[in-house]
């Protein structure tokens, strides 16, 4: 039993555990909207876009949170703008805009370096770098996300399932989508240090898909997805210490194990709900 609780004596682990748990819950909450809107690829894309912002902010000597955050938000707005005009599909828009940003970031780091910041920490996550400031950041973004979901519940719900009717009914869907993209960009930015660029998308998608298999209620899906994300973050962090596996991969593997278990026992109805997540609720 002492071995199980051994890592809790280290402050860096306690900070990482708190961030991983809150990050999992946060990603689960926002991931619900991402999955239901059929834009699961956007989490992957925005994390890569924000990495481009990391490289540019390091080169210019700008604060990382400010520079990368603005870069990610601008990328999200560009994706939304291209998609809204229906010139190309959302997946194609995400692919073009975000991979270009990621490639730019890699090129700038190769040519100019990263001004003392390790790009590997943001590519793969680095729990050793998590401090109290990171905990405060995740708490702040989590409170922002909860406030947006609570006060904007109806507009978000309406624009998620039927944006055309919502727009015709007076819901300013462009503003609602922009707000959701802002929260999504902030979520990715706040969780990159633990999860890494390459794994943020999985923590957005997996809890929401598992929750969708378990319920046919939107409100319950929000709660379940957040809880599943939190459990995955907490359990993955503890296992990462004892198995000597990086925190990001272990958190994703924990969520994947939950997905496999629920998929096996949920039956045809649960699998059908997950397969048509964006179709709505009964």
C-alpha atoms as a PDB file:
ATOM      1  CA  UNK A   1       0.000   0.000   0.000  1.00  0.00           C
ATOM      2  CA  UNK A   2       2.890   2.351   0.780  1.00  0.00           C
ATOM      3  CA  UNK A   3       4.250   1.845  -2.723  1.00  0.00           C
ATOM      4  CA  UNK A   4       0.895   2.856  -4.204  1.00  0.00           C
ATOM      5  CA  UNK A   5       0.897   6.198  -2.371  1.00  0.00           C
ATOM      6  CA  UNK A   6       4.627   6.819  -2.755  1.00  0.00           C
ATOM      7  CA  UNK A   7       4.388   9.389  -5.580  1.00  0.00           C
ATOM      8  CA  UNK A   8       2.012  11.611  -3.565  1.00  0.00           C
ATOM      9  CA  UNK A   9       4.922  12.773  -1.412  1.00  0.00           C
ATOM     10  CA  UNK A  10       6.393  14.681  -4.358  1.00  0.00           C
ATOM     11  CA  UNK A  11       5.043  18.158  -5.083  1.00  0.00           C
ATOM     12  CA  UNK A  12       5.632  17.862  -8.819  1.00  0.00           C
ATOM     13  CA  UNK A  13       3.471  14.724  -8.881  1.00  0.00           C
ATOM     14  CA  UNK A  14       0.687  16.319  -6.842  1.00  0.00           C
ATOM     15  CA  UNK A  15       0.684  19.300  -9.204  1.00  0.00           C
ATOM     16  CA  UNK A  16       0.707  17.004 -12.234  1.00  0.00           C
ATOM     17  CA  UNK A  17      -2.079  14.876 -10.778  1.00  0.00           C
ATOM     18  CA  UNK A  18      -4.258  17.918 -10.132  1.00  0.00           C
ATOM     19  CA  UNK A  19      -3.653  19.280 -13.625  1.00  0.00           C
ATOM     20  CA  UNK A  20      -4.203  15.894 -15.302  1.00  0.00           C
ATOM     21  CA  UNK A  21      -7.482  15.317 -13.448  1.00  0.00           C
ATOM     22  CA  UNK A  22      -8.838  18.783 -14.170  1.00  0.00           C
ATOM     23  CA  UNK A  23      -7.538  18.670 -17.736  1.00  0.00           C
ATOM     24  CA  UNK A  24      -9.332  15.369 -18.286  1.00  0.00           C
ATOM     25  CA  UNK A  25     -12.602  16.781 -16.978  1.00  0.00           C
ATOM     26  CA  UNK A  26     -12.168  19.965 -19.013  1.00  0.00           C
ATOM     27  CA  UNK A  27     -11.408  18.091 -22.229  1.00  0.00           C
ATOM     28  CA  UNK A  28     -14.359  15.786 -21.593  1.00  0.00           C
ATOM     29  CA  UNK A  29     -16.711  18.749 -21.190  1.00  0.00           C
ATOM     30  CA  UNK A  30     -15.607  20.627 -24.304  1.00  0.00           C
ATOM     31  CA  UNK A  31     -15.080  17.400 -26.239  1.00  0.00           C
ATOM     32  CA  UNK A  32     -18.805  16.702 -25.980  1.00  0.00           C
ATOM     33  CA  UNK A  33     -19.546  19.630 -28.294  1.00  0.00           C
ATOM     34  CA  UNK A  34     -16.631  18.788 -30.575  1.00  0.00           C
ATOM     35  CA  UNK A  35     -17.837  15.194 -31.052  1.00  0.00           C
ATOM     36  CA  UNK A  36     -21.496  16.088 -31.459  1.00  0.00           C
ATOM     37  CA  UNK A  37     -20.652  18.733 -34.068  1.00  0.00           C
ATOM     38  CA  UNK A  38     -18.774  16.091 -36.044  1.00  0.00           C
ATOM     39  CA  UNK A  39     -15.496  18.000 -35.727  1.00  0.00           C
ATOM     40  CA  UNK A  40     -13.385  15.516 -33.753  1.00  0.00           C
ATOM     41  CA  UNK A  41     -10.420  16.310 -35.983  1.00  0.00           C
ATOM     42  CA  UNK A  42     -10.376  19.940 -34.843  1.00  0.00           C
ATOM     43  CA  UNK A  43      -8.770  19.099 -31.492  1.00  0.00           C
ATOM     44  CA  UNK A  44      -5.901  17.436 -33.291  1.00  0.00           C
ATOM     45  CA  UNK A  45      -5.643  20.330 -35.717  1.00  0.00           C
ATOM     46  CA  UNK A  46      -5.775  23.154 -33.179  1.00  0.00           C
ATOM     47  CA  UNK A  47      -3.134  21.550 -30.979  1.00  0.00           C
ATOM     48  CA  UNK A  48      -0.816  21.554 -33.984  1.00  0.00           C
ATOM     49  CA  UNK A  49      -1.742  25.136 -34.820  1.00  0.00           C
ATOM     50  CA  UNK A  50      -0.962  26.229 -31.271  1.00  0.00           C
ATOM     51  CA  UNK A  51       2.455  24.590 -31.581  1.00  0.00           C
ATOM     52  CA  UNK A  52       3.086  26.970 -34.479  1.00  0.00           C
ATOM     53  CA  UNK A  53       2.135  29.815 -32.152  1.00  0.00           C
ATOM     54  CA  UNK A  54       4.585  28.469 -29.574  1.00  0.00           C
ATOM     55  CA  UNK A  55       7.423  28.684 -32.097  1.00  0.00           C
ATOM     56  CA  UNK A  56       6.509  32.202 -33.251  1.00  0.00           C
ATOM     57  CA  UNK A  57       6.081  33.537 -29.691  1.00  0.00           C
ATOM     58  CA  UNK A  58       9.444  32.031 -28.669  1.00  0.00           C
ATOM     59  CA  UNK A  59      11.120  33.628 -31.687  1.00  0.00           C
ATOM     60  CA  UNK A  60       9.600  37.067 -31.016  1.00  0.00           C
ATOM     61  CA  UNK A  61      10.117  36.902 -27.263  1.00  0.00           C
ATOM     62  CA  UNK A  62       6.364  37.135 -26.630  1.00  0.00           C
ATOM     63  CA  UNK A  63       4.723  35.440 -23.642  1.00  0.00           C
ATOM     64  CA  UNK A  64       3.863  31.891 -24.685  1.00  0.00           C
ATOM     65  CA  UNK A  65       0.325  31.895 -23.301  1.00  0.00           C
ATOM     66  CA  UNK A  66      -0.511  35.133 -25.055  1.00  0.00           C
ATOM     67  CA  UNK A  67       1.211  34.393 -28.362  1.00  0.00           C
ATOM     68  CA  UNK A  68       0.204  30.761 -28.774  1.00  0.00           C
ATOM     69  CA  UNK A  69      -3.292  31.427 -27.441  1.00  0.00           C
ATOM     70  CA  UNK A  70      -3.962  34.204 -29.934  1.00  0.00           C
ATOM     71  CA  UNK A  71      -2.467  32.099 -32.714  1.00  0.00           C
ATOM     72  CA  UNK A  72      -4.687  29.141 -31.867  1.00  0.00           C
ATOM     73  CA  UNK A  73      -7.807  31.291 -31.594  1.00  0.00           C
ATOM     74  CA  UNK A  74      -7.060  32.943 -34.938  1.00  0.00           C
ATOM     75  CA  UNK A  75      -6.598  29.511 -36.512  1.00  0.00           C
ATOM     76  CA  UNK A  76      -9.939  28.374 -35.094  1.00  0.00           C
ATOM     77  CA  UNK A  77     -11.695  31.441 -36.497  1.00  0.00           C
ATOM     78  CA  UNK A  78     -10.135  30.859 -39.911  1.00  0.00           C
ATOM     79  CA  UNK A  79     -11.332  27.248 -39.890  1.00  0.00           C
ATOM     80  CA  UNK A  80     -14.820  28.369 -38.918  1.00  0.00           C
ATOM     81  CA  UNK A  81     -14.856  31.078 -41.579  1.00  0.00           C
ATOM     82  CA  UNK A  82     -13.763  28.751 -44.369  1.00  0.00           C
ATOM     83  CA  UNK A  83     -16.232  26.083 -43.268  1.00  0.00           C
ATOM     84  CA  UNK A  84     -19.127  28.527 -42.947  1.00  0.00           C
ATOM     85  CA  UNK A  85     -18.656  29.672 -46.537  1.00  0.00           C
ATOM     86  CA  UNK A  86     -18.826  26.002 -47.562  1.00  0.00           C
ATOM     87  CA  UNK A  87     -15.952  26.478 -49.971  1.00  0.00           C
ATOM     88  CA  UNK A  88     -14.420  23.278 -48.642  1.00  0.00           C
ATOM     89  CA  UNK A  89     -15.367  20.827 -45.891  1.00  0.00           C
ATOM     90  CA  UNK A  90     -14.424  21.375 -42.266  1.00  0.00           C
ATOM     91  CA  UNK A  91     -11.975  18.451 -42.265  1.00  0.00           C
ATOM     92  CA  UNK A  92     -10.162  19.856 -45.298  1.00  0.00           C
ATOM     93  CA  UNK A  93     -10.066  23.352 -43.775  1.00  0.00           C
ATOM     94  CA  UNK A  94      -8.622  21.966 -40.548  1.00  0.00           C
ATOM     95  CA  UNK A  95      -6.058  19.942 -42.471  1.00  0.00           C
ATOM     96  CA  UNK A  96      -4.824  22.855 -44.577  1.00  0.00           C
ATOM     97  CA  UNK A  97      -4.730  25.595 -41.933  1.00  0.00           C
ATOM     98  CA  UNK A  98      -3.429  23.693 -38.928  1.00  0.00           C
ATOM     99  CA  UNK A  99      -0.828  21.516 -40.623  1.00  0.00           C
ATOM    100  CA  UNK A 100       0.571  24.623 -42.303  1.00  0.00           C
ATOM    101  CA  UNK A 101       0.862  26.254 -38.881  1.00  0.00           C
ATOM    102  CA  UNK A 102       2.515  23.157 -37.420  1.00  0.00           C
ATOM    103  CA  UNK A 103       4.986  22.977 -40.308  1.00  0.00           C
ATOM    104  CA  UNK A 104       5.798  26.665 -39.835  1.00  0.00           C
ATOM    105  CA  UNK A 105       6.501  26.038 -36.156  1.00  0.00           C
ATOM    106  CA  UNK A 106       8.848  23.141 -36.897  1.00  0.00           C
ATOM    107  CA  UNK A 107      10.672  25.161 -39.536  1.00  0.00           C
ATOM    108  CA  UNK A 108      11.134  28.188 -37.255  1.00  0.00           C
ATOM    109  CA  UNK A 109      12.439  26.052 -34.399  1.00  0.00           C
ATOM    110  CA  UNK A 110      14.857  24.294 -36.749  1.00  0.00           C
ATOM    111  CA  UNK A 111      16.219  27.569 -38.104  1.00  0.00           C
ATOM    112  CA  UNK A 112      16.116  29.857 -35.040  1.00  0.00           C
ATOM    113  CA  UNK A 113      15.818  27.501 -32.055  1.00  0.00           C
ATOM    114  CA  UNK A 114      13.211  27.810 -29.301  1.00  0.00           C
ATOM    115  CA  UNK A 115      14.733  30.472 -27.029  1.00  0.00           C
ATOM    116  CA  UNK A 116      15.415  28.096 -24.131  1.00  0.00           C
ATOM    117  CA  UNK A 117      11.995  26.432 -24.248  1.00  0.00           C
ATOM    118  CA  UNK A 118      11.886  22.733 -25.010  1.00  0.00           C
ATOM    119  CA  UNK A 119       9.600  21.942 -27.945  1.00  0.00           C
ATOM    120  CA  UNK A 120       9.532  18.282 -26.861  1.00  0.00           C
ATOM    121  CA  UNK A 121       7.643  19.276 -23.706  1.00  0.00           C
ATOM    122  CA  UNK A 122       4.808  20.631 -25.824  1.00  0.00           C
ATOM    123  CA  UNK A 123       4.974  17.871 -28.406  1.00  0.00           C
ATOM    124  CA  UNK A 124       4.799  14.969 -25.946  1.00  0.00           C
ATOM    125  CA  UNK A 125       3.928  16.515 -22.588  1.00  0.00           C
ATOM    126  CA  UNK A 126       6.187  16.966 -19.569  1.00  0.00           C
ATOM    127  CA  UNK A 127       4.660  16.437 -16.144  1.00  0.00           C
ATOM    128  CA  UNK A 128       7.937  17.459 -14.464  1.00  0.00           C
ATOM    129  CA  UNK A 129       7.393  21.001 -15.762  1.00  0.00           C
ATOM    130  CA  UNK A 130       3.984  21.353 -14.123  1.00  0.00           C
ATOM    131  CA  UNK A 131       3.997  23.897 -11.305  1.00  0.00           C
ATOM    132  CA  UNK A 132       1.385  25.739  -9.280  1.00  0.00           C
ATOM    133  CA  UNK A 133       1.038  28.314 -12.022  1.00  0.00           C
ATOM    134  CA  UNK A 134      -0.030  25.555 -14.398  1.00  0.00           C
ATOM    135  CA  UNK A 135      -2.580  24.366 -11.845  1.00  0.00           C
ATOM    136  CA  UNK A 136      -4.001  27.877 -11.570  1.00  0.00           C
ATOM    137  CA  UNK A 137      -4.172  28.153 -15.372  1.00  0.00           C
ATOM    138  CA  UNK A 138      -6.137  24.913 -15.730  1.00  0.00           C
ATOM    139  CA  UNK A 139      -8.474  25.930 -12.893  1.00  0.00           C
ATOM    140  CA  UNK A 140      -9.111  29.300 -14.561  1.00  0.00           C
ATOM    141  CA  UNK A 141      -9.826  27.748 -17.966  1.00  0.00           C
ATOM    142  CA  UNK A 142     -12.048  25.112 -16.354  1.00  0.00           C
ATOM    143  CA  UNK A 143     -14.104  27.802 -14.618  1.00  0.00           C
ATOM    144  CA  UNK A 144     -14.373  29.682 -17.917  1.00  0.00           C
ATOM    145  CA  UNK A 145     -15.576  26.541 -19.711  1.00  0.00           C
ATOM    146  CA  UNK A 146     -18.153  25.732 -17.029  1.00  0.00           C
ATOM    147  CA  UNK A 147     -19.440  29.320 -17.122  1.00  0.00           C
ATOM    148  CA  UNK A 148     -19.750  29.267 -20.916  1.00  0.00           C
ATOM    149  CA  UNK A 149     -21.606  25.938 -20.879  1.00  0.00           C
ATOM    150  CA  UNK A 150     -23.875  26.994 -17.998  1.00  0.00           C
ATOM    151  CA  UNK A 151     -24.865  30.437 -19.290  1.00  0.00           C
ATOM    152  CA  UNK A 152     -24.841  29.486 -22.964  1.00  0.00           C
ATOM    153  CA  UNK A 153     -26.433  26.061 -22.618  1.00  0.00           C
ATOM    154  CA  UNK A 154     -29.392  26.607 -24.956  1.00  0.00           C
ATOM    155  CA  UNK A 155     -27.594  28.516 -27.756  1.00  0.00           C
ATOM    156  CA  UNK A 156     -24.759  25.979 -27.695  1.00  0.00           C
ATOM    157  CA  UNK A 157     -27.190  23.065 -27.788  1.00  0.00           C
ATOM    158  CA  UNK A 158     -29.261  24.574 -30.607  1.00  0.00           C
ATOM    159  CA  UNK A 159     -26.266  25.532 -32.771  1.00  0.00           C
ATOM    160  CA  UNK A 160     -24.650  22.139 -32.198  1.00  0.00           C
ATOM    161  CA  UNK A 161     -27.516  20.044 -33.533  1.00  0.00           C
ATOM    162  CA  UNK A 162     -29.224  22.331 -36.053  1.00  0.00           C
ATOM    163  CA  UNK A 163     -27.139  25.434 -36.857  1.00  0.00           C
ATOM    164  CA  UNK A 164     -29.244  26.458 -39.863  1.00  0.00           C
ATOM    165  CA  UNK A 165     -32.528  26.466 -37.928  1.00  0.00           C
ATOM    166  CA  UNK A 166     -30.788  28.110 -34.967  1.00  0.00           C
ATOM    167  CA  UNK A 167     -29.516  30.892 -37.225  1.00  0.00           C
ATOM    168  CA  UNK A 168     -32.991  31.390 -38.684  1.00  0.00           C
ATOM    169  CA  UNK A 169     -34.443  31.498 -35.174  1.00  0.00           C
ATOM    170  CA  UNK A 170     -32.247  34.398 -34.127  1.00  0.00           C
ATOM    171  CA  UNK A 171     -29.359  32.524 -32.524  1.00  0.00           C
ATOM    172  CA  UNK A 172     -26.128  34.191 -33.585  1.00  0.00           C
ATOM    173  CA  UNK A 173     -24.417  30.939 -34.453  1.00  0.00           C
ATOM    174  CA  UNK A 174     -21.250  32.635 -35.702  1.00  0.00           C
ATOM    175  CA  UNK A 175     -20.700  34.195 -32.278  1.00  0.00           C
ATOM    176  CA  UNK A 176     -21.621  30.974 -30.490  1.00  0.00           C
ATOM    177  CA  UNK A 177     -19.153  28.998 -32.617  1.00  0.00           C
ATOM    178  CA  UNK A 178     -16.450  31.631 -32.076  1.00  0.00           C
ATOM    179  CA  UNK A 179     -16.969  31.430 -28.307  1.00  0.00           C
ATOM    180  CA  UNK A 180     -16.745  27.638 -28.416  1.00  0.00           C
ATOM    181  CA  UNK A 181     -13.546  27.849 -30.464  1.00  0.00           C
ATOM    182  CA  UNK A 182     -12.098  30.318 -27.964  1.00  0.00           C
ATOM    183  CA  UNK A 183     -12.771  27.919 -25.082  1.00  0.00           C
ATOM    184  CA  UNK A 184     -11.429  24.991 -27.109  1.00  0.00           C
ATOM    185  CA  UNK A 185      -8.219  26.861 -27.918  1.00  0.00           C
ATOM    186  CA  UNK A 186      -7.810  27.823 -24.240  1.00  0.00           C
ATOM    187  CA  UNK A 187      -8.423  24.204 -23.227  1.00  0.00           C
ATOM    188  CA  UNK A 188      -5.741  22.888 -25.563  1.00  0.00           C
ATOM    189  CA  UNK A 189      -3.306  25.595 -24.500  1.00  0.00           C
ATOM    190  CA  UNK A 190      -3.811  24.859 -20.800  1.00  0.00           C
ATOM    191  CA  UNK A 191      -3.447  21.072 -21.138  1.00  0.00           C
ATOM    192  CA  UNK A 192      -0.564  20.823 -23.612  1.00  0.00           C
ATOM    193  CA  UNK A 193       2.079  20.719 -20.885  1.00  0.00           C
ATOM    194  CA  UNK A 194       0.729  17.434 -19.506  1.00  0.00           C
ATOM    195  CA  UNK A 195      -0.772  15.807 -22.585  1.00  0.00           C
ATOM    196  CA  UNK A 196       1.386  17.148 -25.413  1.00  0.00           C
ATOM    197  CA  UNK A 197       0.381  18.310 -28.887  1.00  0.00           C
ATOM    198  CA  UNK A 198       0.113  14.792 -30.240  1.00  0.00           C
ATOM    199  CA  UNK A 199      -2.362  13.499 -27.633  1.00  0.00           C
ATOM    200  CA  UNK A 200      -4.708  16.383 -26.774  1.00  0.00           C
ATOM    201  CA  UNK A 201      -7.176  15.341 -29.481  1.00  0.00           C
ATOM    202  CA  UNK A 202      -7.628  11.895 -27.942  1.00  0.00           C
ATOM    203  CA  UNK A 203      -8.558  13.358 -24.545  1.00  0.00           C
ATOM    204  CA  UNK A 204     -11.168  15.529 -26.253  1.00  0.00           C
ATOM    205  CA  UNK A 205     -12.752  12.682 -28.193  1.00  0.00           C
ATOM    206  CA  UNK A 206     -12.521   9.492 -26.104  1.00  0.00           C
ATOM    207  CA  UNK A 207     -14.488  10.598 -22.989  1.00  0.00           C
ATOM    208  CA  UNK A 208     -17.275  12.082 -25.123  1.00  0.00           C
ATOM    209  CA  UNK A 209     -17.584   8.940 -27.266  1.00  0.00           C
ATOM    210  CA  UNK A 210     -17.660   6.706 -24.186  1.00  0.00           C
ATOM    211  CA  UNK A 211     -20.309   8.922 -22.590  1.00  0.00           C
ATOM    212  CA  UNK A 212     -22.377   8.836 -25.778  1.00  0.00           C
ATOM    213  CA  UNK A 213     -22.421   5.032 -25.633  1.00  0.00           C
ATOM    214  CA  UNK A 214     -23.728   5.201 -22.074  1.00  0.00           C
ATOM    215  CA  UNK A 215     -26.557   7.715 -22.404  1.00  0.00           C
ATOM    216  CA  UNK A 216     -29.106   9.184 -24.755  1.00  0.00           C
ATOM    217  CA  UNK A 217     -29.386  12.420 -22.753  1.00  0.00           C
ATOM    218  CA  UNK A 218     -27.331  15.480 -23.678  1.00  0.00           C
ATOM    219  CA  UNK A 219     -27.090  16.840 -20.126  1.00  0.00           C
ATOM    220  CA  UNK A 220     -26.036  13.446 -18.761  1.00  0.00           C
ATOM    221  CA  UNK A 221     -23.513  13.135 -21.554  1.00  0.00           C
ATOM    222  CA  UNK A 222     -21.866  16.401 -20.456  1.00  0.00           C
ATOM    223  CA  UNK A 223     -21.544  15.147 -16.882  1.00  0.00           C
ATOM    224  CA  UNK A 224     -20.436  11.631 -17.827  1.00  0.00           C
ATOM    225  CA  UNK A 225     -17.872  12.855 -20.342  1.00  0.00           C
ATOM    226  CA  UNK A 226     -16.339  15.193 -17.754  1.00  0.00           C
ATOM    227  CA  UNK A 227     -16.252  12.427 -15.138  1.00  0.00           C
ATOM    228  CA  UNK A 228     -14.702   9.921 -17.549  1.00  0.00           C
ATOM    229  CA  UNK A 229     -12.062  12.456 -18.542  1.00  0.00           C
ATOM    230  CA  UNK A 230     -11.237  13.161 -14.882  1.00  0.00           C
ATOM    231  CA  UNK A 231     -10.969   9.461 -14.025  1.00  0.00           C
ATOM    232  CA  UNK A 232      -8.738   8.861 -17.053  1.00  0.00           C
ATOM    233  CA  UNK A 233      -6.482  11.771 -16.072  1.00  0.00           C
ATOM    234  CA  UNK A 234      -6.177  10.707 -12.427  1.00  0.00           C
ATOM    235  CA  UNK A 235      -5.677   6.997 -13.107  1.00  0.00           C
ATOM    236  CA  UNK A 236      -3.352   7.611 -16.038  1.00  0.00           C
ATOM    237  CA  UNK A 237      -1.093   9.862 -13.936  1.00  0.00           C
ATOM    238  CA  UNK A 238      -0.806   7.307 -11.134  1.00  0.00           C
ATOM    239  CA  UNK A 239      -0.094   4.486 -13.576  1.00  0.00           C
ATOM    240  CA  UNK A 240       2.440   6.605 -15.467  1.00  0.00           C
ATOM    241  CA  UNK A 241       4.530   6.946 -12.317  1.00  0.00           C
ATOM    242  CA  UNK A 242       4.473   3.272 -11.372  1.00  0.00           C
ATOM    243  CA  UNK A 243       4.954   1.967 -14.924  1.00  0.00           C
ATOM    244  CA  UNK A 244       7.501   4.650 -15.885  1.00  0.00           C
ATOM    245  CA  UNK A 245       5.479   5.695 -18.960  1.00  0.00           C
ATOM    246  CA  UNK A 246       4.989   9.357 -19.966  1.00  0.00           C
ATOM    247  CA  UNK A 247       1.817  10.867 -18.553  1.00  0.00           C
ATOM    248  CA  UNK A 248       0.196  11.815 -21.876  1.00  0.00           C
ATOM    249  CA  UNK A 249       0.294   8.337 -23.452  1.00  0.00           C
ATOM    250  CA  UNK A 250      -0.779   6.684 -20.183  1.00  0.00           C
ATOM    251  CA  UNK A 251      -3.805   8.973 -19.804  1.00  0.00           C
ATOM    252  CA  UNK A 252      -4.875   8.225 -23.375  1.00  0.00           C
ATOM    253  CA  UNK A 253      -4.329   4.482 -22.899  1.00  0.00           C
ATOM    254  CA  UNK A 254      -6.476   4.585 -19.750  1.00  0.00           C
ATOM    255  CA  UNK A 255      -9.260   6.321 -21.655  1.00  0.00           C
ATOM    256  CA  UNK A 256      -8.888   3.828 -24.494  1.00  0.00           C
ATOM    257  CA  UNK A 257      -9.228   0.935 -22.043  1.00  0.00           C
ATOM    258  CA  UNK A 258     -12.452   2.479 -20.723  1.00  0.00           C
ATOM    259  CA  UNK A 259     -13.679   2.841 -24.301  1.00  0.00           C
ATOM    260  CA  UNK A 260     -12.916  -0.808 -25.058  1.00  0.00           C
ATOM    261  CA  UNK A 261     -14.695  -1.969 -21.907  1.00  0.00           C
ATOM    262  CA  UNK A 262     -17.812   0.128 -22.508  1.00  0.00           C
ATOM    263  CA  UNK A 263     -17.845  -0.803 -26.185  1.00  0.00           C
ATOM    264  CA  UNK A 264     -17.804  -4.496 -25.238  1.00  0.00           C
ATOM    265  CA  UNK A 265     -20.679  -4.283 -22.752  1.00  0.00           C
ATOM    266  CA  UNK A 266     -22.860  -1.464 -24.088  1.00  0.00           C
ATOM    267  CA  UNK A 267     -24.541  -3.579 -26.751  1.00  0.00           C
ATOM    268  CA  UNK A 268     -25.700  -2.679 -30.212  1.00  0.00           C
ATOM    269  CA  UNK A 269     -27.721   0.335 -29.044  1.00  0.00           C
ATOM    270  CA  UNK A 270     -24.774   1.997 -27.311  1.00  0.00           C
ATOM    271  CA  UNK A 271     -22.474   1.378 -30.261  1.00  0.00           C
ATOM    272  CA  UNK A 272     -25.095   2.778 -32.596  1.00  0.00           C
ATOM    273  CA  UNK A 273     -25.324   5.988 -30.560  1.00  0.00           C
ATOM    274  CA  UNK A 274     -21.546   6.397 -30.708  1.00  0.00           C
ATOM    275  CA  UNK A 275     -21.530   5.719 -34.443  1.00  0.00           C
ATOM    276  CA  UNK A 276     -24.051   8.486 -35.048  1.00  0.00           C
ATOM    277  CA  UNK A 277     -23.035  10.858 -32.273  1.00  0.00           C
ATOM    278  CA  UNK A 278     -23.924  13.988 -34.188  1.00  0.00           C
ATOM    279  CA  UNK A 279     -27.414  12.780 -35.144  1.00  0.00           C
ATOM    280  CA  UNK A 280     -29.038  14.109 -31.992  1.00  0.00           C
ATOM    281  CA  UNK A 281     -30.845  12.702 -28.952  1.00  0.00           C
ATOM    282  CA  UNK A 282     -34.147  10.970 -28.541  1.00  0.00           C
END
